[in-house]
Amino acid sequence: MPRRSIWKGSYVDAFLLRMKNQRDLLLNRRIWSRRSSISPEFVDCSVRIYNGKTPVRCKITEGKVGHKFGEFAFTRKRRPSRTRPEKNKKKQKR
């Protein structure tokens, strides 16, 4: 996937731009814009990112700056791989 042009800057939704300066409004706020980049103003805030079904709580740290919000709210459930029971064990010789 090609990167965004440097002269455009990182994409941040207009809703999040208004919330940048007012940190108290951002605390525990729901975010639907998964495509927006995380800027340094969001550090140490706890937000809830919508994954398509329910909002997922996420604590923004310095390591997440520059990434997209959607990277930290998975849209699919992880299911551990199941091992199939062997048919030979069920059928015992008589």
PDB file of N, CA and C in Angstrom:
ATOM      1  N   MET A   1       0.841  -1.172   0.000  1.00  0.00           N
ATOM      2  CA  MET A   1       0.000   0.000   0.000  1.00  0.00           C
ATOM      3  C   MET A   1       0.890   1.241   0.000  1.00  0.00           C
ATOM      4  N   PRO A   2       0.668   2.160  -0.914  1.00  0.00           N
ATOM      5  CA  PRO A   2       1.501   3.358  -0.952  1.00  0.00           C
ATOM      6  C   PRO A   2       1.241   4.265   0.242  1.00  0.00           C
ATOM      7  N   ARG A   3       2.273   4.933   0.662  1.00  0.00           N
ATOM      8  CA  ARG A   3       2.147   5.833   1.812  1.00  0.00           C
ATOM      9  C   ARG A   3       1.537   7.154   1.391  1.00  0.00           C
ATOM     10  N   ARG A   4       1.076   7.885   2.371  1.00  0.00           N
ATOM     11  CA  ARG A   4       0.499   9.210   2.125  1.00  0.00           C
ATOM     12  C   ARG A   4       1.641  10.195   1.844  1.00  0.00           C
ATOM     13  N   SER A   5       1.388  11.173   0.978  1.00  0.00           N
ATOM     14  CA  SER A   5       2.403  12.166   0.636  1.00  0.00           C
ATOM     15  C   SER A   5       2.831  12.946   1.871  1.00  0.00           C
ATOM     16  N   ILE A   6       4.111  13.247   1.963  1.00  0.00           N
ATOM     17  CA  ILE A   6       4.647  13.951   3.122  1.00  0.00           C
ATOM     18  C   ILE A   6       4.089  15.366   3.208  1.00  0.00           C
ATOM     19  N   TRP A   7       3.903  16.036   2.061  1.00  0.00           N
ATOM     20  CA  TRP A   7       3.434  17.416   2.097  1.00  0.00           C
ATOM     21  C   TRP A   7       1.991  17.519   2.601  1.00  0.00           C
ATOM     22  N   LYS A   8       1.216  16.432   2.525  1.00  0.00           N
ATOM     23  CA  LYS A   8      -0.155  16.447   3.043  1.00  0.00           C
ATOM     24  C   LYS A   8      -0.179  16.312   4.555  1.00  0.00           C
ATOM     25  N   GLY A   9       0.793  15.648   5.115  1.00  0.00           N
ATOM     26  CA  GLY A   9       0.794  15.399   6.551  1.00  0.00           C
ATOM     27  C   GLY A   9      -0.039  14.183   6.892  1.00  0.00           C
ATOM     28  N   SER A  10      -0.064  13.817   8.161  1.00  0.00           N
ATOM     29  CA  SER A  10      -0.827  12.642   8.566  1.00  0.00           C
ATOM     30  C   SER A  10      -2.311  12.983   8.645  1.00  0.00           C
ATOM     31  N   TYR A  11      -3.149  11.991   8.363  1.00  0.00           N
ATOM     32  CA  TYR A  11      -4.594  12.215   8.354  1.00  0.00           C
ATOM     33  C   TYR A  11      -5.152  12.104   9.766  1.00  0.00           C
ATOM     34  N   VAL A  12      -5.872  13.127  10.187  1.00  0.00           N
ATOM     35  CA  VAL A  12      -6.582  13.107  11.468  1.00  0.00           C
ATOM     36  C   VAL A  12      -7.982  13.637  11.190  1.00  0.00           C
ATOM     37  N   ASP A  13      -8.984  12.903  11.630  1.00  0.00           N
ATOM     38  CA  ASP A  13     -10.375  13.286  11.411  1.00  0.00           C
ATOM     39  C   ASP A  13     -10.670  14.644  12.061  1.00  0.00           C
ATOM     40  N   ALA A  14     -11.603  15.391  11.483  1.00  0.00           N
ATOM     41  CA  ALA A  14     -11.938  16.732  11.997  1.00  0.00           C
ATOM     42  C   ALA A  14     -12.450  16.669  13.432  1.00  0.00           C
ATOM     43  N   PHE A  15     -13.179  15.605  13.752  1.00  0.00           N
ATOM     44  CA  PHE A  15     -13.679  15.421  15.113  1.00  0.00           C
ATOM     45  C   PHE A  15     -12.523  15.322  16.111  1.00  0.00           C
ATOM     46  N   LEU A  16     -11.475  14.595  15.723  1.00  0.00           N
ATOM     47  CA  LEU A  16     -10.327  14.420  16.618  1.00  0.00           C
ATOM     48  C   LEU A  16      -9.484  15.689  16.701  1.00  0.00           C
ATOM     49  N   LEU A  17      -9.457  16.480  15.637  1.00  0.00           N
ATOM     50  CA  LEU A  17      -8.715  17.741  15.679  1.00  0.00           C
ATOM     51  C   LEU A  17      -9.297  18.689  16.726  1.00  0.00           C
ATOM     52  N   ARG A  18     -10.626  18.715  16.832  1.00  0.00           N
ATOM     53  CA  ARG A  18     -11.259  19.565  17.841  1.00  0.00           C
ATOM     54  C   ARG A  18     -10.978  19.052  19.246  1.00  0.00           C
ATOM     55  N   MET A  19     -10.843  17.744  19.390  1.00  0.00           N
ATOM     56  CA  MET A  19     -10.636  17.148  20.705  1.00  0.00           C
ATOM     57  C   MET A  19      -9.183  17.209  21.163  1.00  0.00           C
ATOM     58  N   LYS A  20      -8.261  17.480  20.251  1.00  0.00           N
ATOM     59  CA  LYS A  20      -6.836  17.493  20.604  1.00  0.00           C
ATOM     60  C   LYS A  20      -6.530  18.462  21.736  1.00  0.00           C
ATOM     61  N   ASN A  21      -7.048  19.656  21.635  1.00  0.00           N
ATOM     62  CA  ASN A  21      -6.713  20.698  22.604  1.00  0.00           C
ATOM     63  C   ASN A  21      -7.439  20.517  23.932  1.00  0.00           C
ATOM     64  N   GLN A  22      -8.560  19.828  23.934  1.00  0.00           N
ATOM     65  CA  GLN A  22      -9.334  19.625  25.158  1.00  0.00           C
ATOM     66  C   GLN A  22      -9.180  18.179  25.602  1.00  0.00           C
ATOM     67  N   ARG A  23      -8.122  17.889  26.354  1.00  0.00           N
ATOM     68  CA  ARG A  23      -7.801  16.517  26.742  1.00  0.00           C
ATOM     69  C   ARG A  23      -8.870  15.892  27.629  1.00  0.00           C
ATOM     70  N   ASP A  24      -9.550  16.697  28.432  1.00  0.00           N
ATOM     71  CA  ASP A  24     -10.552  16.126  29.317  1.00  0.00           C
ATOM     72  C   ASP A  24     -11.737  15.565  28.525  1.00  0.00           C
ATOM     73  N   LEU A  25     -12.006  16.107  27.328  1.00  0.00           N
ATOM     74  CA  LEU A  25     -13.078  15.572  26.488  1.00  0.00           C
ATOM     75  C   LEU A  25     -12.662  14.275  25.800  1.00  0.00           C
ATOM     76  N   LEU A  26     -11.360  14.065  25.659  1.00  0.00           N
ATOM     77  CA  LEU A  26     -10.874  12.891  24.950  1.00  0.00           C
ATOM     78  C   LEU A  26     -10.822  11.655  25.843  1.00  0.00           C
ATOM     79  N   LEU A  27     -10.776  11.851  27.155  1.00  0.00           N
ATOM     80  CA  LEU A  27     -10.655  10.710  28.050  1.00  0.00           C
ATOM     81  C   LEU A  27     -11.881   9.817  27.939  1.00  0.00           C
ATOM     82  N   ASN A  28     -11.633   8.549  27.707  1.00  0.00           N
ATOM     83  CA  ASN A  28     -12.672   7.526  27.609  1.00  0.00           C
ATOM     84  C   ASN A  28     -13.687   7.864  26.513  1.00  0.00           C
ATOM     85  N   ARG A  29     -13.234   8.446  25.434  1.00  0.00           N
ATOM     86  CA  ARG A  29     -14.091   8.852  24.331  1.00  0.00           C
ATOM     87  C   ARG A  29     -14.153   7.753  23.279  1.00  0.00           C
ATOM     88  N   ARG A  30     -15.304   7.557  22.671  1.00  0.00           N
ATOM     89  CA  ARG A  30     -15.436   6.576  21.591  1.00  0.00           C
ATOM     90  C   ARG A  30     -14.939   7.184  20.291  1.00  0.00           C
ATOM     91  N   ILE A  31     -14.160   6.388  19.542  1.00  0.00           N
ATOM     92  CA  ILE A  31     -13.604   6.851  18.276  1.00  0.00           C
ATOM     93  C   ILE A  31     -14.037   5.884  17.180  1.00  0.00           C
ATOM     94  N   TRP A  32     -14.715   6.414  16.162  1.00  0.00           N
ATOM     95  CA  TRP A  32     -15.124   5.592  15.034  1.00  0.00           C
ATOM     96  C   TRP A  32     -14.130   5.709  13.888  1.00  0.00           C
ATOM     97  N   SER A  33     -13.273   6.717  13.910  1.00  0.00           N
ATOM     98  CA  SER A  33     -12.332   6.953  12.821  1.00  0.00           C
ATOM     99  C   SER A  33     -11.087   6.089  13.014  1.00  0.00           C
ATOM    100  N   ARG A  34     -11.117   4.879  12.458  1.00  0.00           N
ATOM    101  CA  ARG A  34      -9.993   3.955  12.580  1.00  0.00           C
ATOM    102  C   ARG A  34      -8.838   4.367  11.677  1.00  0.00           C
ATOM    103  N   ARG A  35      -9.120   5.181  10.656  1.00  0.00           N
ATOM    104  CA  ARG A  35      -8.093   5.558   9.679  1.00  0.00           C
ATOM    105  C   ARG A  35      -7.257   6.747  10.121  1.00  0.00           C
ATOM    106  N   SER A  36      -7.645   7.399  11.209  1.00  0.00           N
ATOM    107  CA  SER A  36      -6.910   8.575  11.682  1.00  0.00           C
ATOM    108  C   SER A  36      -5.598   8.176  12.335  1.00  0.00           C
ATOM    109  N   SER A  37      -4.584   9.001  12.137  1.00  0.00           N
ATOM    110  CA  SER A  37      -3.281   8.761  12.752  1.00  0.00           C
ATOM    111  C   SER A  37      -3.280   9.245  14.201  1.00  0.00           C
ATOM    112  N   ILE A  38      -2.483   8.596  15.011  1.00  0.00           N
ATOM    113  CA  ILE A  38      -2.358   8.985  16.419  1.00  0.00           C
ATOM    114  C   ILE A  38      -1.268  10.039  16.517  1.00  0.00           C
ATOM    115  N   SER A  39      -1.615  11.191  17.052  1.00  0.00           N
ATOM    116  CA  SER A  39      -0.644  12.273  17.200  1.00  0.00           C
ATOM    117  C   SER A  39      -0.158  12.338  18.645  1.00  0.00           C
ATOM    118  N   PRO A  40       0.948  13.035  18.908  1.00  0.00           N
ATOM    119  CA  PRO A  40       1.521  13.084  20.263  1.00  0.00           C
ATOM    120  C   PRO A  40       0.575  13.683  21.311  1.00  0.00           C
ATOM    121  N   GLU A  41      -0.429  14.452  20.888  1.00  0.00           N
ATOM    122  CA  GLU A  41      -1.359  15.043  21.846  1.00  0.00           C
ATOM    123  C   GLU A  41      -2.244  14.002  22.518  1.00  0.00           C
ATOM    124  N   PHE A  42      -2.369  12.814  21.907  1.00  0.00           N
ATOM    125  CA  PHE A  42      -3.231  11.766  22.449  1.00  0.00           C
ATOM    126  C   PHE A  42      -2.527  10.872  23.465  1.00  0.00           C
ATOM    127  N   VAL A  43      -1.237  11.087  23.702  1.00  0.00           N
ATOM    128  CA  VAL A  43      -0.477  10.229  24.616  1.00  0.00           C
ATOM    129  C   VAL A  43      -1.056  10.324  26.027  1.00  0.00           C
ATOM    130  N   ASP A  44      -1.094   9.190  26.719  1.00  0.00           N
ATOM    131  CA  ASP A  44      -1.621   9.037  28.078  1.00  0.00           C
ATOM    132  C   ASP A  44      -3.131   9.236  28.151  1.00  0.00           C
ATOM    133  N   CYS A  45      -3.835   9.065  27.035  1.00  0.00           N
ATOM    134  CA  CYS A  45      -5.293   9.100  27.043  1.00  0.00           C
ATOM    135  C   CYS A  45      -5.812   7.684  26.840  1.00  0.00           C
ATOM    136  N   SER A  46      -6.947   7.404  27.413  1.00  0.00           N
ATOM    137  CA  SER A  46      -7.599   6.121  27.224  1.00  0.00           C
ATOM    138  C   SER A  46      -8.809   6.354  26.337  1.00  0.00           C
ATOM    139  N   VAL A  47      -8.834   5.724  25.178  1.00  0.00           N
ATOM    140  CA  VAL A  47      -9.931   5.901  24.232  1.00  0.00           C
ATOM    141  C   VAL A  47     -10.556   4.537  23.935  1.00  0.00           C
ATOM    142  N   ARG A  48     -11.766   4.575  23.403  1.00  0.00           N
ATOM    143  CA  ARG A  48     -12.437   3.352  22.987  1.00  0.00           C
ATOM    144  C   ARG A  48     -12.600   3.403  21.476  1.00  0.00           C
ATOM    145  N   ILE A  49     -11.950   2.464  20.779  1.00  0.00           N
ATOM    146  CA  ILE A  49     -11.926   2.432  19.325  1.00  0.00           C
ATOM    147  C   ILE A  49     -12.940   1.408  18.844  1.00  0.00           C
ATOM    148  N   TYR A  50     -13.801   1.816  17.931  1.00  0.00           N
ATOM    149  CA  TYR A  50     -14.858   0.951  17.427  1.00  0.00           C
ATOM    150  C   TYR A  50     -14.276  -0.058  16.458  1.00  0.00           C
ATOM    151  N   ASN A  51     -14.582  -1.349  16.654  1.00  0.00           N
ATOM    152  CA  ASN A  51     -14.040  -2.388  15.788  1.00  0.00           C
ATOM    153  C   ASN A  51     -15.081  -2.962  14.833  1.00  0.00           C
ATOM    154  N   GLY A  52     -16.238  -2.326  14.738  1.00  0.00           N
ATOM    155  CA  GLY A  52     -17.291  -2.815  13.863  1.00  0.00           C
ATOM    156  C   GLY A  52     -18.427  -3.444  14.633  1.00  0.00           C
ATOM    157  N   LYS A  53     -18.170  -3.816  15.884  1.00  0.00           N
ATOM    158  CA  LYS A  53     -19.205  -4.425  16.715  1.00  0.00           C
ATOM    159  C   LYS A  53     -19.307  -3.726  18.057  1.00  0.00           C
ATOM    160  N   THR A  54     -18.196  -3.627  18.749  1.00  0.00           N
ATOM    161  CA  THR A  54     -18.168  -2.976  20.058  1.00  0.00           C
ATOM    162  C   THR A  54     -16.919  -2.114  20.170  1.00  0.00           C
ATOM    163  N   PRO A  55     -16.948  -1.084  21.000  1.00  0.00           N
ATOM    164  CA  PRO A  55     -15.737  -0.286  21.210  1.00  0.00           C
ATOM    165  C   PRO A  55     -14.723  -1.046  22.072  1.00  0.00           C
ATOM    166  N   VAL A  56     -13.463  -0.969  21.691  1.00  0.00           N
ATOM    167  CA  VAL A  56     -12.381  -1.656  22.400  1.00  0.00           C
ATOM    168  C   VAL A  56     -11.545  -0.599  23.111  1.00  0.00           C
ATOM    169  N   ARG A  57     -11.318  -0.785  24.414  1.00  0.00           N
ATOM    170  CA  ARG A  57     -10.538   0.185  25.184  1.00  0.00           C
ATOM    171  C   ARG A  57      -9.067   0.079  24.814  1.00  0.00           C
ATOM    172  N   CYS A  58      -8.437   1.237  24.662  1.00  0.00           N
ATOM    173  CA  CYS A  58      -7.030   1.287  24.268  1.00  0.00           C
ATOM    174  C   CYS A  58      -6.361   2.459  24.967  1.00  0.00           C
ATOM    175  N   LYS A  59      -5.224   2.194  25.595  1.00  0.00           N
ATOM    176  CA  LYS A  59      -4.429   3.239  26.247  1.00  0.00           C
ATOM    177  C   LYS A  59      -3.363   3.684  25.253  1.00  0.00           C
ATOM    178  N   ILE A  60      -3.335   4.970  24.945  1.00  0.00           N
ATOM    179  CA  ILE A  60      -2.387   5.500  23.963  1.00  0.00           C
ATOM    180  C   ILE A  60      -1.058   5.782  24.655  1.00  0.00           C
ATOM    181  N   THR A  61       0.009   5.179  24.153  1.00  0.00           N
ATOM    182  CA  THR A  61       1.351   5.394  24.689  1.00  0.00           C
ATOM    183  C   THR A  61       2.225   6.021  23.613  1.00  0.00           C
ATOM    184  N   GLU A  62       3.446   6.377  23.973  1.00  0.00           N
ATOM    185  CA  GLU A  62       4.354   7.029  23.026  1.00  0.00           C
ATOM    186  C   GLU A  62       4.712   6.111  21.861  1.00  0.00           C
ATOM    187  N   GLY A  63       4.732   4.827  22.087  1.00  0.00           N
ATOM    188  CA  GLY A  63       5.074   3.885  21.020  1.00  0.00           C
ATOM    189  C   GLY A  63       4.014   3.785  19.937  1.00  0.00           C
ATOM    190  N   LYS A  64       2.794   4.214  20.232  1.00  0.00           N
ATOM    191  CA  LYS A  64       1.698   4.127  19.267  1.00  0.00           C
ATOM    192  C   LYS A  64       1.559   5.380  18.409  1.00  0.00           C
ATOM    193  N   VAL A  65       2.334   6.422  18.700  1.00  0.00           N
ATOM    194  CA  VAL A  65       2.258   7.668  17.934  1.00  0.00           C
ATOM    195  C   VAL A  65       2.716   7.406  16.503  1.00  0.00           C
ATOM    196  N   GLY A  66       1.954   7.890  15.529  1.00  0.00           N
ATOM    197  CA  GLY A  66       2.274   7.687  14.117  1.00  0.00           C
ATOM    198  C   GLY A  66       1.526   6.535  13.498  1.00  0.00           C
ATOM    199  N   HIS A  67       0.987   5.642  14.311  1.00  0.00           N
ATOM    200  CA  HIS A  67       0.195   4.529  13.804  1.00  0.00           C
ATOM    201  C   HIS A  67      -1.256   4.969  13.660  1.00  0.00           C
ATOM    202  N   LYS A  68      -2.093   4.105  13.105  1.00  0.00           N
ATOM    203  CA  LYS A  68      -3.515   4.388  12.957  1.00  0.00           C
ATOM    204  C   LYS A  68      -4.273   3.806  14.150  1.00  0.00           C
ATOM    205  N   PHE A  69      -5.401   4.405  14.486  1.00  0.00           N
ATOM    206  CA  PHE A  69      -6.210   3.903  15.601  1.00  0.00           C
ATOM    207  C   PHE A  69      -6.692   2.479  15.337  1.00  0.00           C
ATOM    208  N   GLY A  70      -7.013   2.174  14.097  1.00  0.00           N
ATOM    209  CA  GLY A  70      -7.548   0.866  13.748  1.00  0.00           C
ATOM    210  C   GLY A  70      -6.588  -0.284  13.952  1.00  0.00           C
ATOM    211  N   GLU A  71      -5.302  -0.003  14.057  1.00  0.00           N
ATOM    212  CA  GLU A  71      -4.321  -1.070  14.250  1.00  0.00           C
ATOM    213  C   GLU A  71      -4.434  -1.712  15.630  1.00  0.00           C
ATOM    214  N   PHE A  72      -5.057  -1.012  16.568  1.00  0.00           N
ATOM    215  CA  PHE A  72      -5.087  -1.485  17.947  1.00  0.00           C
ATOM    216  C   PHE A  72      -6.458  -1.984  18.374  1.00  0.00           C
ATOM    217  N   ALA A  73      -7.392  -2.050  17.450  1.00  0.00           N
ATOM    218  CA  ALA A  73      -8.716  -2.615  17.726  1.00  0.00           C
ATOM    219  C   ALA A  73      -8.978  -3.676  16.670  1.00  0.00           C
ATOM    220  N   PHE A  74      -8.717  -4.919  17.010  1.00  0.00           N
ATOM    221  CA  PHE A  74      -8.848  -6.008  16.053  1.00  0.00           C
ATOM    222  C   PHE A  74     -10.310  -6.246  15.709  1.00  0.00           C
ATOM    223  N   THR A  75     -10.577  -6.539  14.439  1.00  0.00           N
ATOM    224  CA  THR A  75     -11.945  -6.745  13.987  1.00  0.00           C
ATOM    225  C   THR A  75     -12.324  -8.213  13.963  1.00  0.00           C
ATOM    226  N   ARG A  76     -11.384  -9.089  14.175  1.00  0.00           N
ATOM    227  CA  ARG A  76     -11.663 -10.523  14.140  1.00  0.00           C
ATOM    228  C   ARG A  76     -11.234 -11.173  15.438  1.00  0.00           C
ATOM    229  N   LYS A  77     -11.980 -12.177  15.832  1.00  0.00           N
ATOM    230  CA  LYS A  77     -11.658 -12.895  17.066  1.00  0.00           C
ATOM    231  C   LYS A  77     -10.569 -13.917  16.787  1.00  0.00           C
ATOM    232  N   ARG A  78      -9.694 -14.078  17.759  1.00  0.00           N
ATOM    233  CA  ARG A  78      -8.673 -15.123  17.655  1.00  0.00           C
ATOM    234  C   ARG A  78      -9.237 -16.391  18.237  1.00  0.00           C
ATOM    235  N   ARG A  79      -9.220 -17.418  17.461  1.00  0.00           N
ATOM    236  CA  ARG A  79      -9.675 -18.711  17.952  1.00  0.00           C
ATOM    237  C   ARG A  79      -8.482 -19.649  17.963  1.00  0.00           C
ATOM    238  N   PRO A  80      -8.214 -20.256  19.103  1.00  0.00           N
ATOM    239  CA  PRO A  80      -7.090 -21.201  19.131  1.00  0.00           C
ATOM    240  C   PRO A  80      -7.403 -22.414  18.262  1.00  0.00           C
ATOM    241  N   SER A  81      -6.388 -22.932  17.622  1.00  0.00           N
ATOM    242  CA  SER A  81      -6.601 -24.084  16.752  1.00  0.00           C
ATOM    243  C   SER A  81      -6.940 -25.306  17.592  1.00  0.00           C
ATOM    244  N   ARG A  82      -7.960 -26.021  17.154  1.00  0.00           N
ATOM    245  CA  ARG A  82      -8.380 -27.220  17.878  1.00  0.00           C
ATOM    246  C   ARG A  82      -7.724 -28.433  17.245  1.00  0.00           C
ATOM    247  N   THR A  83      -7.399 -29.388  18.049  1.00  0.00           N
ATOM    248  CA  THR A  83      -6.876 -30.641  17.515  1.00  0.00           C
ATOM    249  C   THR A  83      -8.036 -31.613  17.398  1.00  0.00           C
ATOM    250  N   ARG A  84      -8.111 -32.286  16.294  1.00  0.00           N
ATOM    251  CA  ARG A  84      -9.192 -33.234  16.074  1.00  0.00           C
ATOM    252  C   ARG A  84      -8.903 -34.531  16.824  1.00  0.00           C
ATOM    253  N   PRO A  85      -9.910 -35.092  17.458  1.00  0.00           N
ATOM    254  CA  PRO A  85      -9.672 -36.379  18.120  1.00  0.00           C
ATOM    255  C   PRO A  85      -9.475 -37.464  17.061  1.00  0.00           C
ATOM    256  N   GLU A  86      -8.552 -38.320  17.324  1.00  0.00           N
ATOM    257  CA  GLU A  86      -8.252 -39.378  16.355  1.00  0.00           C
ATOM    258  C   GLU A  86      -9.344 -40.430  16.387  1.00  0.00           C
ATOM    259  N   LYS A  87      -9.726 -40.887  15.211  1.00  0.00           N
ATOM    260  CA  LYS A  87     -10.788 -41.890  15.122  1.00  0.00           C
ATOM    261  C   LYS A  87     -10.301 -43.258  15.585  1.00  0.00           C
ATOM    262  N   ASN A  88      -9.011 -43.507  15.464  1.00  0.00           N
ATOM    263  CA  ASN A  88      -8.464 -44.815  15.846  1.00  0.00           C
ATOM    264  C   ASN A  88      -8.574 -45.046  17.350  1.00  0.00           C
ATOM    265  N   LYS A  89      -8.517 -44.034  18.142  1.00  0.00           N
ATOM    266  CA  LYS A  89      -8.584 -44.178  19.591  1.00  0.00           C
ATOM    267  C   LYS A  89     -10.000 -44.568  20.034  1.00  0.00           C
ATOM    268  N   LYS A  90     -11.001 -44.109  19.306  1.00  0.00           N
ATOM    269  CA  LYS A  90     -12.377 -44.433  19.668  1.00  0.00           C
ATOM    270  C   LYS A  90     -12.698 -45.880  19.372  1.00  0.00           C
ATOM    271  N   LYS A  91     -12.209 -46.383  18.257  1.00  0.00           N
ATOM    272  CA  LYS A  91     -12.468 -47.775  17.872  1.00  0.00           C
ATOM    273  C   LYS A  91     -11.364 -48.655  18.430  1.00  0.00           C
ATOM    274  N   GLN A  92     -11.728 -49.451  19.411  1.00  0.00           N
ATOM    275  CA  GLN A  92     -10.743 -50.356  19.998  1.00  0.00           C
ATOM    276  C   GLN A  92     -10.992 -51.758  19.500  1.00  0.00           C
ATOM    277  N   LYS A  93      -9.921 -52.513  19.350  1.00  0.00           N
ATOM    278  CA  LYS A  93     -10.033 -53.906  18.891  1.00  0.00           C
ATOM    279  C   LYS A  93     -10.549 -54.774  20.024  1.00  0.00           C
ATOM    280  N   ARG A  94     -11.444 -55.698  19.711  1.00  0.00           N
ATOM    281  CA  ARG A  94     -11.991 -56.612  20.736  1.00  0.00           C
ATOM    282  C   ARG A  94     -11.445 -57.987  20.594  1.00  0.00           C
TER     283      ARG A  94
END
